Amino acid sequence: MEVPSLEGGRSDHMQKQNEYSSAASAHIVDKDSWQQVGLLLVTSFNCAYVLSFSNLMLAPLGWYWGLACLIIVAAFAAYANWLLAGFHVIGDRRFIRYRDLMGYLFGKRMYYVTWFLQFATLLLGSMGFILLGGRALKEINSEFSDSPMRLQVYIVATGVVYLVFAYFVPTISSMRNWLISSAILTVIYDAAILAIVIKDGNTNKAKDYNIAGNKAEKALNAFGAMAAILVCNTSGILPEIQSTVRKPVAANMRKALVMQYTIGLAIYYGISIAGYWAYGASVSEYLPEELSGPTWAKVLINSTAFLQSIMSQHMFVAPIHEALDTKFQRLNEGMFSKYNLICRFFVRSIFFGLNILVTALFPFMGDFVNLFGSFTLFPLTFVFPSMIFLKIKGNAARTEQKLWHMAIIVFSSLMSIITTAAAVRLIISNTKMYHFFADT
């Protein structure tokens, strides 16, 4: 889609927003091929989070509504990201950050709203990765020990490993040499888990697909599941990922999105559906806990999922690293200059230290997947791209286009409110079962 300039040229208001379109960044811009970015998306979305989606997405919805929501949410997420990819360049300005784009078009308030929603998503996502990595390590240890160490020990170990990787591989573009390794690990644990899940499903004759709870609980849990489905389809950081893509940026980003929503989606949906089919509504929040074995296969799955998560989590947290590096590092020096190495060590250490502490304190982060999917990703994925379309096209848009995007804004806003309420209710309910620093 050809994105037009703002109607009537740049207004005085827009001229005052020039700072939002600044491309100054400590990270690399305009260098990566669409194949590299496409592989990054495919492997990053097929991360350890996939091992929770049978429970989070399908168990609260059942077969009919579950499959329907999988298809509908994926289709709308793909459409919204396709639309947003076309707004990376407006006129002669390229926007490498989502918040810069929103600030340029709608002013300082929307800049900070977008900043908050993005960073809340990324922080919760980062902590979720640390928790899943810790669980994988604990599962490995439990195969060899009757009394494995507390989960918090593995959470700390995971966070330290993530810190080391983020320090030496500081940007999305610098992951280039790691993507093949990530793809190989993804294939290994996906193939292994599918083989065991299918075997367990064939031998499990007592599958129960009934949805638990009364009508109100079923409804709220269903809305929470829709938020989880959104989480597995989008990240809320498309402009930041697109900033690394070579020109033409819109066409190349859309090619990468096609890879994600075909190859990538087939894999993570396949794992989620197979897990639900094999174990029913009682499927575990962490799928490898359900597997019947053998021991070597469970160790293989957990170890490869852990190693792959090191690279996956880096993409989702890279915008935070970019913001901190741009703020504190010397932009006229390379990423590996002495000053920037020292600065990056302290900044990354503080960031991951806080992430580790909060994750260890609240080791039931699966509940928060629904929260950031509802509260942050509905606006970032659906509401904001339609707002941008209406702002840029203005009176040039056809009536049906205006109505379509206004309907998306209204419906997505309502869904965000409802699913956020459902997620908060689930968290409040589960806090009665858990305690701080729980070993679960």
Protein backbone atom coordinates (compact mmCIF):
# COMPACT_ATOMS: atom_id res chain seq x y z
CA MET A 1 0.00 0.00 0.00
CA GLU A 2 1.33 3.42 -0.95
CA VAL A 3 1.15 5.64 2.10
CA PRO A 4 0.33 9.27 1.20
CA SER A 5 1.65 12.35 2.89
CA LEU A 6 -0.50 14.14 5.42
CA GLU A 7 -3.23 16.13 3.75
CA GLY A 8 -2.48 19.77 3.08
CA GLY A 9 1.23 19.39 3.75
CA ARG A 10 2.82 19.56 7.19
CA SER A 11 0.88 21.68 9.62
CA ASP A 12 2.48 23.81 12.31
CA HIS A 13 1.58 21.10 14.77
CA MET A 14 3.46 18.52 12.73
CA GLN A 15 6.47 20.76 12.39
CA LYS A 16 6.63 20.94 16.16
CA GLN A 17 6.77 17.13 16.29
CA ASN A 18 9.96 16.76 14.26
CA GLU A 19 11.81 15.34 17.23
CA TYR A 20 9.64 12.24 17.08
CA SER A 21 10.96 11.29 13.65
CA SER A 22 14.62 11.45 14.63
CA ALA A 23 16.45 8.31 13.55
CA ALA A 24 19.29 8.73 16.06
CA SER A 25 19.88 5.32 17.60
CA ALA A 26 22.68 3.32 19.16
CA HIS A 27 21.46 0.27 17.21
CA ILE A 28 21.82 -0.61 13.53
CA VAL A 29 19.14 0.62 11.12
CA ASP A 30 18.38 -0.38 7.52
CA LYS A 31 20.75 -3.34 7.17
CA ASP A 32 18.94 -6.71 7.38
CA SER A 33 17.34 -8.69 4.57
CA TRP A 34 13.67 -9.66 4.75
CA GLN A 35 14.69 -13.32 4.88
CA GLN A 36 16.69 -12.66 8.04
CA VAL A 37 13.84 -10.75 9.66
CA GLY A 38 11.33 -13.39 8.56
CA LEU A 39 13.43 -16.16 10.13
CA LEU A 40 13.77 -14.02 13.25
CA LEU A 41 9.97 -13.72 13.51
CA VAL A 42 9.34 -17.42 12.84
CA THR A 43 11.82 -18.64 15.45
CA SER A 44 11.07 -15.96 18.04
CA PHE A 45 7.34 -16.64 18.06
CA ASN A 46 8.03 -20.39 18.22
CA CYS A 47 9.65 -19.93 21.60
CA ALA A 48 9.17 -21.49 25.03
CA TYR A 49 5.88 -19.59 25.38
CA VAL A 50 4.40 -22.08 22.90
CA LEU A 51 4.63 -24.71 25.63
CA SER A 52 1.97 -22.83 27.63
CA PHE A 53 -0.53 -22.07 24.88
CA SER A 54 -2.52 -25.31 24.97
CA ASN A 55 -3.54 -24.40 28.49
CA LEU A 56 -3.88 -20.65 28.00
CA MET A 57 -5.60 -20.57 24.61
CA LEU A 58 -7.65 -23.72 24.09
CA ALA A 59 -8.55 -25.14 27.50
CA PRO A 60 -10.80 -22.14 28.38
CA LEU A 61 -12.49 -22.13 24.94
CA GLY A 62 -12.91 -25.75 23.89
CA TRP A 63 -12.66 -27.07 20.36
CA TYR A 64 -15.28 -25.07 18.46
CA TRP A 65 -14.68 -21.62 19.88
CA GLY A 66 -10.98 -22.30 20.33
CA LEU A 67 -10.28 -23.09 16.69
CA ALA A 68 -12.56 -20.27 15.53
CA CYS A 69 -10.73 -17.72 17.70
CA LEU A 70 -7.33 -19.02 16.58
CA ILE A 71 -8.25 -18.34 12.97
CA ILE A 72 -10.02 -15.01 13.49
CA VAL A 73 -7.42 -13.44 15.81
CA ALA A 74 -4.53 -14.55 13.57
CA ALA A 75 -6.24 -13.13 10.48
CA PHE A 76 -6.89 -9.76 12.10
CA ALA A 77 -3.40 -9.61 13.64
CA ALA A 78 -1.85 -10.33 10.25
CA TYR A 79 -4.00 -7.64 8.63
CA ALA A 80 -3.18 -5.07 11.33
CA ASN A 81 0.56 -5.72 11.09
CA TRP A 82 0.39 -5.60 7.30
CA LEU A 83 -1.29 -2.20 7.58
CA LEU A 84 1.17 -0.90 10.17
CA ALA A 85 4.15 -1.96 8.05
CA GLY A 86 3.00 0.55 5.42
CA PHE A 87 3.29 3.44 7.87
CA HIS A 88 7.01 3.00 8.51
CA VAL A 89 7.66 5.86 6.08
CA ILE A 90 5.39 8.91 5.87
CA GLY A 91 6.37 11.39 3.21
CA ASP A 92 10.16 11.55 3.47
CA ARG A 93 10.30 10.49 7.13
CA ARG A 94 11.14 7.03 8.39
CA PHE A 95 9.96 6.06 11.87
CA ILE A 96 12.07 3.45 13.62
CA ARG A 97 10.02 3.46 16.83
CA TYR A 98 6.28 3.01 17.31
CA ARG A 99 6.15 5.75 19.95
CA ASP A 100 7.87 8.21 17.59
CA LEU A 101 5.26 7.56 14.93
CA MET A 102 2.38 8.07 17.36
CA GLY A 103 3.99 11.19 18.83
CA TYR A 104 4.52 12.70 15.38
CA LEU A 105 0.89 12.16 14.37
CA PHE A 106 -0.97 12.66 17.65
CA GLY A 107 1.30 14.62 19.97
CA LYS A 108 3.26 14.14 23.16
CA ARG A 109 0.49 12.43 25.14
CA MET A 110 0.18 9.58 22.62
CA TYR A 111 3.96 9.30 22.52
CA TYR A 112 4.01 8.49 26.22
CA VAL A 113 0.92 6.28 26.06
CA THR A 114 2.56 4.20 23.36
CA TRP A 115 5.84 4.15 25.28
CA PHE A 116 4.08 2.86 28.39
CA LEU A 117 2.07 0.19 26.57
CA GLN A 118 5.09 -1.08 24.67
CA PHE A 119 7.44 -1.21 27.60
CA ALA A 120 4.83 -2.81 29.88
CA THR A 121 4.41 -5.53 27.25
CA LEU A 122 8.14 -6.06 26.88
CA LEU A 123 8.86 -6.11 30.61
CA LEU A 124 6.13 -8.67 31.33
CA GLY A 125 7.23 -10.69 28.31
CA SER A 126 10.83 -10.65 29.51
CA MET A 127 9.84 -11.87 32.95
CA GLY A 128 7.70 -14.58 31.38
CA PHE A 129 10.70 -15.78 29.38
CA ILE A 130 12.82 -15.91 32.52
CA LEU A 131 10.15 -17.95 34.30
CA LEU A 132 9.75 -20.40 31.41
CA GLY A 133 13.51 -20.79 31.14
CA GLY A 134 13.69 -21.47 34.87
CA ARG A 135 10.96 -24.07 34.61
CA ALA A 136 12.77 -25.79 31.77
CA LEU A 137 15.97 -26.01 33.85
CA LYS A 138 14.03 -27.32 36.85
CA GLU A 139 12.33 -29.98 34.71
CA ILE A 140 15.74 -31.12 33.47
CA ASN A 141 17.05 -31.36 37.02
CA SER A 142 13.95 -33.20 38.24
CA GLU A 143 14.72 -36.03 35.81
CA PHE A 144 17.93 -36.71 37.71
CA SER A 145 17.04 -35.67 41.25
CA ASP A 146 14.17 -36.46 43.62
CA SER A 147 14.56 -33.10 45.35
CA PRO A 148 15.54 -30.44 42.79
CA MET A 149 16.48 -26.99 43.96
CA ARG A 150 13.85 -24.31 44.28
CA LEU A 151 12.51 -22.69 41.14
CA GLN A 152 14.05 -19.36 42.16
CA VAL A 153 17.57 -20.80 41.70
CA TYR A 154 16.80 -21.65 38.10
CA ILE A 155 15.15 -18.26 37.56
CA VAL A 156 18.37 -16.55 38.63
CA ALA A 157 20.44 -18.85 36.41
CA THR A 158 18.19 -18.12 33.43
CA GLY A 159 18.35 -14.38 33.97
CA VAL A 160 22.15 -14.44 34.15
CA VAL A 161 22.39 -16.40 30.88
CA TYR A 162 20.02 -13.91 29.20
CA LEU A 163 22.15 -11.06 30.51
CA VAL A 164 25.35 -12.52 29.06
CA PHE A 165 23.75 -13.03 25.64
CA ALA A 166 22.25 -9.53 25.61
CA TYR A 167 25.64 -8.06 26.53
CA PHE A 168 27.67 -9.73 23.76
CA VAL A 169 24.85 -9.74 21.14
CA PRO A 170 23.46 -6.26 21.82
CA THR A 171 21.12 -5.63 18.85
CA ILE A 172 18.55 -7.40 16.68
CA SER A 173 20.83 -7.16 13.64
CA SER A 174 23.72 -8.73 15.54
CA MET A 175 21.61 -11.89 15.99
CA ARG A 176 22.25 -12.70 12.31
CA ASN A 177 24.78 -15.45 13.05
CA TRP A 178 22.55 -17.00 15.72
CA LEU A 179 19.35 -17.43 13.73
CA ILE A 180 20.30 -20.74 12.12
CA SER A 181 21.09 -22.15 15.57
CA SER A 182 17.73 -20.87 16.80
CA ALA A 183 15.95 -22.50 13.86
CA ILE A 184 17.68 -25.85 14.42
CA LEU A 185 16.79 -25.82 18.13
CA THR A 186 13.20 -24.91 17.28
CA VAL A 187 12.87 -27.85 14.89
CA ILE A 188 14.40 -30.24 17.44
CA TYR A 189 12.12 -29.45 20.36
CA ASP A 190 9.02 -28.99 18.22
CA ALA A 191 9.53 -32.36 16.50
CA ALA A 192 10.32 -34.14 19.76
CA ILE A 193 7.37 -32.70 21.64
CA LEU A 194 4.98 -33.44 18.78
CA ALA A 195 6.13 -37.06 18.63
CA ILE A 196 5.53 -37.62 22.34
CA VAL A 197 2.29 -35.64 22.43
CA ILE A 198 0.85 -37.68 19.55
CA LYS A 199 1.92 -40.91 21.27
CA ASP A 200 0.33 -39.80 24.56
CA GLY A 201 -2.80 -38.67 22.76
CA ASN A 202 -3.26 -42.04 21.11
CA THR A 203 -2.90 -43.89 24.42
CA ASN A 204 -4.97 -41.45 26.48
CA LYS A 205 -8.52 -42.71 26.14
CA ALA A 206 -9.97 -40.62 28.98
CA LYS A 207 -9.64 -37.15 27.49
CA ASP A 208 -11.96 -34.56 28.97
CA TYR A 209 -12.61 -31.44 26.92
CA ASN A 210 -15.30 -30.01 29.19
CA ILE A 211 -14.70 -26.40 30.16
CA ALA A 212 -14.54 -25.92 33.93
CA GLY A 213 -16.39 -23.26 35.93
CA ASN A 214 -19.80 -21.62 36.04
CA LYS A 215 -21.13 -19.44 33.21
CA ALA A 216 -19.48 -16.26 34.47
CA GLU A 217 -16.13 -17.98 34.99
CA LYS A 218 -16.29 -19.60 31.57
CA ALA A 219 -17.00 -16.26 29.92
CA LEU A 220 -14.17 -14.43 31.68
CA ASN A 221 -11.71 -17.27 31.06
CA ALA A 222 -12.71 -17.27 27.38
CA PHE A 223 -11.89 -13.58 27.05
CA GLY A 224 -8.57 -14.22 28.76
CA ALA A 225 -7.84 -16.96 26.23
CA MET A 226 -8.49 -14.53 23.36
CA ALA A 227 -5.86 -12.23 24.81
CA ALA A 228 -3.40 -15.15 24.97
CA ILE A 229 -4.12 -15.96 21.31
CA LEU A 230 -3.25 -12.36 20.46
CA VAL A 231 0.02 -12.68 22.40
CA CYS A 232 1.16 -15.60 20.27
CA ASN A 233 0.48 -13.69 17.04
CA THR A 234 1.95 -10.25 17.58
CA SER A 235 4.46 -8.31 19.66
CA GLY A 236 3.50 -4.63 19.57
CA ILE A 237 7.00 -3.72 18.35
CA LEU A 238 6.65 -4.04 14.58
CA PRO A 239 8.18 -0.60 13.75
CA GLU A 240 11.20 -1.41 15.92
CA ILE A 241 11.72 -4.73 14.13
CA GLN A 242 11.07 -3.10 10.77
CA SER A 243 13.74 -0.49 11.47
CA THR A 244 16.42 -3.11 10.78
CA VAL A 245 15.01 -4.01 7.33
CA ARG A 246 16.61 -2.84 4.10
CA LYS A 247 14.73 -0.67 1.62
CA PRO A 248 12.05 -0.91 0.37
CA VAL A 249 11.05 -1.24 4.01
CA ALA A 250 7.30 -1.75 3.60
CA ALA A 251 7.56 -4.42 0.90
CA ASN A 252 10.36 -6.28 2.67
CA MET A 253 8.66 -6.19 6.05
CA ARG A 254 5.49 -7.59 4.53
CA LYS A 255 7.47 -10.47 2.99
CA ALA A 256 8.80 -11.25 6.48
CA LEU A 257 5.26 -11.11 7.89
CA VAL A 258 4.14 -13.65 5.29
CA MET A 259 6.77 -16.04 6.67
CA GLN A 260 5.54 -15.49 10.21
CA TYR A 261 1.86 -15.98 9.45
CA THR A 262 2.36 -19.08 7.30
CA ILE A 263 5.36 -21.16 8.41
CA GLY A 264 5.58 -19.73 11.91
CA LEU A 265 1.86 -19.82 12.65
CA ALA A 266 1.51 -23.40 11.40
CA ILE A 267 4.15 -24.54 13.88
CA TYR A 268 3.02 -22.77 17.05
CA TYR A 269 -0.65 -23.42 16.38
CA GLY A 270 0.17 -27.05 15.62
CA ILE A 271 1.93 -27.54 18.96
CA SER A 272 -0.90 -25.83 20.85
CA ILE A 273 -3.66 -27.84 19.17
CA ALA A 274 -1.80 -31.15 19.57
CA GLY A 275 -1.24 -30.52 23.27
CA TYR A 276 -4.92 -29.81 23.87
CA TRP A 277 -5.97 -32.83 21.80
CA ALA A 278 -3.65 -35.15 23.75
CA TYR A 279 -4.38 -34.07 27.33
CA GLY A 280 -7.74 -32.30 27.19
CA ALA A 281 -8.88 -29.44 29.40
CA SER A 282 -6.50 -30.49 32.19
CA VAL A 283 -3.40 -29.84 30.05
CA SER A 284 -0.59 -28.32 32.10
CA GLU A 285 0.40 -24.66 31.95
CA TYR A 286 3.86 -25.96 30.95
CA LEU A 287 3.35 -28.73 28.39
CA PRO A 288 6.56 -30.75 29.04
CA GLU A 289 5.23 -31.52 32.54
CA GLU A 290 2.58 -33.71 30.86
CA LEU A 291 4.92 -35.77 28.71
CA SER A 292 5.20 -39.49 29.43
CA GLY A 293 8.85 -39.75 28.50
CA PRO A 294 11.33 -41.24 27.84
CA THR A 295 13.68 -39.33 30.10
CA TRP A 296 16.16 -38.49 27.37
CA ALA A 297 13.41 -36.98 25.25
CA LYS A 298 12.10 -34.79 28.07
CA VAL A 299 15.62 -33.59 28.80
CA LEU A 300 16.15 -32.89 25.09
CA ILE A 301 12.92 -30.90 24.82
CA ASN A 302 13.55 -28.80 27.90
CA SER A 303 17.22 -28.17 27.13
CA THR A 304 16.62 -27.16 23.50
CA ALA A 305 13.62 -25.02 24.49
CA PHE A 306 15.80 -23.28 27.08
CA LEU A 307 18.65 -22.65 24.66
CA GLN A 308 16.29 -21.39 21.97
CA SER A 309 14.58 -19.04 24.43
CA ILE A 310 17.89 -17.24 24.96
CA MET A 311 17.67 -15.95 21.40
CA SER A 312 13.89 -15.54 21.22
CA GLN A 313 13.64 -13.34 24.28
CA HIS A 314 16.28 -11.04 22.87
CA MET A 315 14.04 -9.91 20.00
CA PHE A 316 11.14 -9.07 22.31
CA VAL A 317 13.25 -7.06 24.73
CA ALA A 318 15.50 -5.38 22.13
CA PRO A 319 13.46 -2.12 22.02
CA ILE A 320 14.14 -1.58 25.72
CA HIS A 321 17.83 -2.23 25.16
CA GLU A 322 17.76 0.20 22.23
CA ALA A 323 16.16 2.93 24.32
CA LEU A 324 18.65 2.46 27.16
CA ASP A 325 21.67 2.21 24.86
CA THR A 326 20.62 5.33 22.95
CA LYS A 327 20.14 7.18 26.23
CA PHE A 328 23.35 6.18 28.02
CA GLN A 329 25.91 5.11 25.41
CA ARG A 330 28.04 7.35 23.22
CA LEU A 331 26.43 7.33 19.79
CA ASN A 332 29.59 8.48 18.04
CA GLU A 333 31.41 5.35 19.20
CA GLY A 334 30.88 1.72 18.25
CA MET A 335 28.83 -0.69 20.36
CA PHE A 336 32.04 -2.37 21.48
CA SER A 337 34.05 0.69 22.45
CA LYS A 338 35.46 0.57 25.97
CA TYR A 339 33.06 3.17 27.34
CA ASN A 340 30.00 1.58 25.72
CA LEU A 341 30.98 -1.91 26.89
CA ILE A 342 31.22 -0.72 30.49
CA CYS A 343 28.03 1.32 30.23
CA ARG A 344 26.11 -1.54 28.64
CA PHE A 345 27.25 -3.97 31.34
CA PHE A 346 25.86 -1.85 34.15
CA VAL A 347 22.63 -0.92 32.34
CA ARG A 348 21.91 -4.52 31.26
CA SER A 349 22.76 -5.81 34.75
CA ILE A 350 20.31 -3.45 36.43
CA PHE A 351 17.59 -4.29 33.91
CA PHE A 352 17.91 -8.06 34.22
CA GLY A 353 18.47 -7.86 37.97
CA LEU A 354 15.07 -6.21 38.44
CA ASN A 355 13.47 -8.68 36.02
CA ILE A 356 14.89 -11.63 37.94
CA LEU A 357 13.72 -10.24 41.29
CA VAL A 358 10.13 -9.69 40.16
CA THR A 359 9.96 -13.06 38.41
CA ALA A 360 11.24 -14.88 41.48
CA LEU A 361 8.72 -12.98 43.60
CA PHE A 362 5.75 -13.82 41.35
CA PRO A 363 6.47 -17.25 39.82
CA PHE A 364 3.04 -17.59 38.21
CA MET A 365 3.69 -15.34 35.24
CA GLY A 366 1.43 -17.34 32.94
CA ASP A 367 -1.45 -15.33 34.35
CA PHE A 368 0.24 -12.14 33.21
CA VAL A 369 0.36 -13.33 29.59
CA ASN A 370 -3.37 -12.67 29.40
CA LEU A 371 -2.93 -9.30 31.11
CA PHE A 372 -0.41 -7.82 28.73
CA GLY A 373 -2.20 -9.38 25.77
CA SER A 374 -5.39 -7.59 26.74
CA PHE A 375 -4.28 -4.31 28.27
CA THR A 376 -1.43 -3.49 25.88
CA LEU A 377 -1.57 -5.54 22.70
CA PHE A 378 -5.17 -4.81 21.70
CA PRO A 379 -4.41 -1.07 21.44
CA LEU A 380 -0.95 -1.52 19.91
CA THR A 381 -2.06 -4.12 17.38
CA PHE A 382 -5.55 -3.00 16.36
CA VAL A 383 -6.51 0.44 17.68
CA PHE A 384 -3.40 2.48 16.85
CA PRO A 385 -2.91 1.31 13.21
CA SER A 386 -6.53 2.23 12.44
CA MET A 387 -6.05 5.60 14.12
CA ILE A 388 -2.96 6.19 11.99
CA PHE A 389 -4.84 5.23 8.83
CA LEU A 390 -7.66 7.66 9.56
CA LYS A 391 -5.20 10.42 10.47
CA ILE A 392 -3.13 10.04 7.31
CA LYS A 393 -5.90 9.37 4.79
CA GLY A 394 -8.33 11.85 6.31
CA ASN A 395 -11.08 12.94 3.93
CA ALA A 396 -9.38 11.07 1.08
CA ALA A 397 -10.52 7.75 2.58
CA ARG A 398 -13.71 6.20 1.26
CA THR A 399 -16.71 6.10 3.59
CA GLU A 400 -16.56 2.33 3.94
CA GLN A 401 -12.85 2.56 4.85
CA LYS A 402 -13.61 5.10 7.56
CA LEU A 403 -16.43 2.99 8.96
CA TRP A 404 -14.27 -0.14 8.87
CA HIS A 405 -11.41 1.42 10.82
CA MET A 406 -13.72 3.18 13.26
CA ALA A 407 -15.40 -0.18 13.92
CA ILE A 408 -11.99 -1.76 14.56
CA ILE A 409 -11.14 1.01 17.04
CA VAL A 410 -14.40 0.68 18.96
CA PHE A 411 -14.53 -3.12 19.00
CA SER A 412 -10.85 -3.54 19.90
CA SER A 413 -11.13 -0.97 22.69
CA LEU A 414 -14.09 -2.86 24.16
CA MET A 415 -12.20 -6.15 23.87
CA SER A 416 -9.23 -4.60 25.63
CA ILE A 417 -11.40 -3.50 28.56
CA ILE A 418 -13.22 -6.84 28.86
CA THR A 419 -10.13 -9.04 28.52
CA THR A 420 -8.17 -6.87 30.95
CA ALA A 421 -10.93 -7.30 33.54
CA ALA A 422 -10.84 -11.06 32.94
CA ALA A 423 -7.04 -11.17 33.31
CA VAL A 424 -7.08 -9.13 36.53
CA ARG A 425 -9.79 -11.39 37.96
CA LEU A 426 -7.68 -14.47 37.16
CA ILE A 427 -4.61 -12.98 38.81
CA ILE A 428 -6.56 -12.02 41.94
CA SER A 429 -8.06 -15.50 42.08
CA ASN A 430 -4.70 -17.25 41.72
CA THR A 431 -2.91 -15.08 44.26
CA LYS A 432 -5.03 -16.89 46.87
CA MET A 433 -3.28 -20.13 45.88
CA TYR A 434 0.24 -18.78 45.53
CA HIS A 435 2.60 -16.93 47.82
CA PHE A 436 5.66 -14.77 47.24
CA PHE A 437 8.73 -16.75 46.08
CA ALA A 438 6.55 -19.85 45.65
CA ASP A 439 8.36 -22.95 44.41
CA THR A 440 5.86 -23.85 41.68
